[in-house]
């Protein structure tokens, strides 16, 4: 096999697999951001209900 053919095949393989992997990484990132937003929202709701009851001290 010629060196040019091997490099061409390697370039095609890299281009195809890199596209799949970046989409998967974006999906994981979106899931993590969604979880963070959910837990911050839950924390804010808990704080909102604790303030009127006077339970905000950390003692």
Protein backbone atom coordinates (compact mmCIF):
# COMPACT_ATOMS: atom_id res chain seq x y z
CA UNK A 1 0.00 0.00 0.00
CA UNK A 2 1.23 3.44 -0.76
CA UNK A 3 1.73 5.98 1.96
CA UNK A 4 -0.72 8.38 0.30
CA UNK A 5 -3.49 5.75 0.32
CA UNK A 6 -2.94 4.98 4.01
CA UNK A 7 -3.00 8.68 4.94
CA UNK A 8 -6.17 9.21 2.91
CA UNK A 9 -7.89 6.27 4.61
CA UNK A 10 -6.73 7.50 8.02
CA UNK A 11 -8.02 11.01 7.30
CA UNK A 12 -11.44 9.67 6.28
CA UNK A 13 -11.65 7.43 9.34
CA UNK A 14 -10.72 10.33 11.65
CA UNK A 15 -13.26 12.65 10.05
CA UNK A 16 -16.08 10.13 10.42
CA UNK A 17 -15.33 9.06 13.99
CA UNK A 18 -14.59 12.54 15.30
CA UNK A 19 -18.03 13.72 14.23
CA UNK A 20 -19.76 10.96 16.15
CA UNK A 21 -17.72 11.47 19.28
CA UNK A 22 -18.30 15.21 19.44
CA UNK A 23 -22.05 14.74 19.15
CA UNK A 24 -21.94 12.29 22.04
CA UNK A 25 -19.88 14.71 24.12
CA UNK A 26 -22.36 17.51 23.42
CA UNK A 27 -25.19 15.25 24.52
CA UNK A 28 -23.42 14.46 27.79
CA UNK A 29 -22.75 18.14 28.35
CA UNK A 30 -26.40 18.96 27.78
CA UNK A 31 -27.46 16.32 30.31
CA UNK A 32 -25.05 17.70 32.91
CA UNK A 33 -26.28 21.28 32.38
CA UNK A 34 -29.88 20.08 32.68
CA UNK A 35 -29.10 18.39 35.98
CA UNK A 36 -27.36 21.50 37.29
CA UNK A 37 -30.33 23.69 36.37
CA UNK A 38 -32.72 21.26 38.05
CA UNK A 39 -30.77 21.16 41.32
CA UNK A 40 -30.33 24.93 41.46
CA UNK A 41 -34.08 25.33 40.88
CA UNK A 42 -34.81 22.83 43.66
CA UNK A 43 -32.43 24.65 46.02
CA UNK A 44 -34.12 28.00 45.28
CA UNK A 45 -37.58 26.52 45.93
CA UNK A 46 -36.40 25.13 49.28
CA UNK A 47 -34.90 28.49 50.24
CA UNK A 48 -38.13 30.26 49.29
CA UNK A 49 -40.11 28.00 51.63
CA UNK A 50 -37.59 28.19 54.47
CA UNK A 51 -37.34 32.00 54.67
CA UNK A 52 -40.95 32.64 55.81
CA UNK A 53 -40.57 29.95 58.48
CA UNK A 54 -37.37 31.53 59.83
CA UNK A 55 -35.32 28.38 59.29
CA UNK A 56 -32.41 30.01 57.46
CA UNK A 57 -29.88 29.93 60.31
CA UNK A 58 -27.07 27.37 60.03
CA UNK A 59 -26.63 26.62 63.77
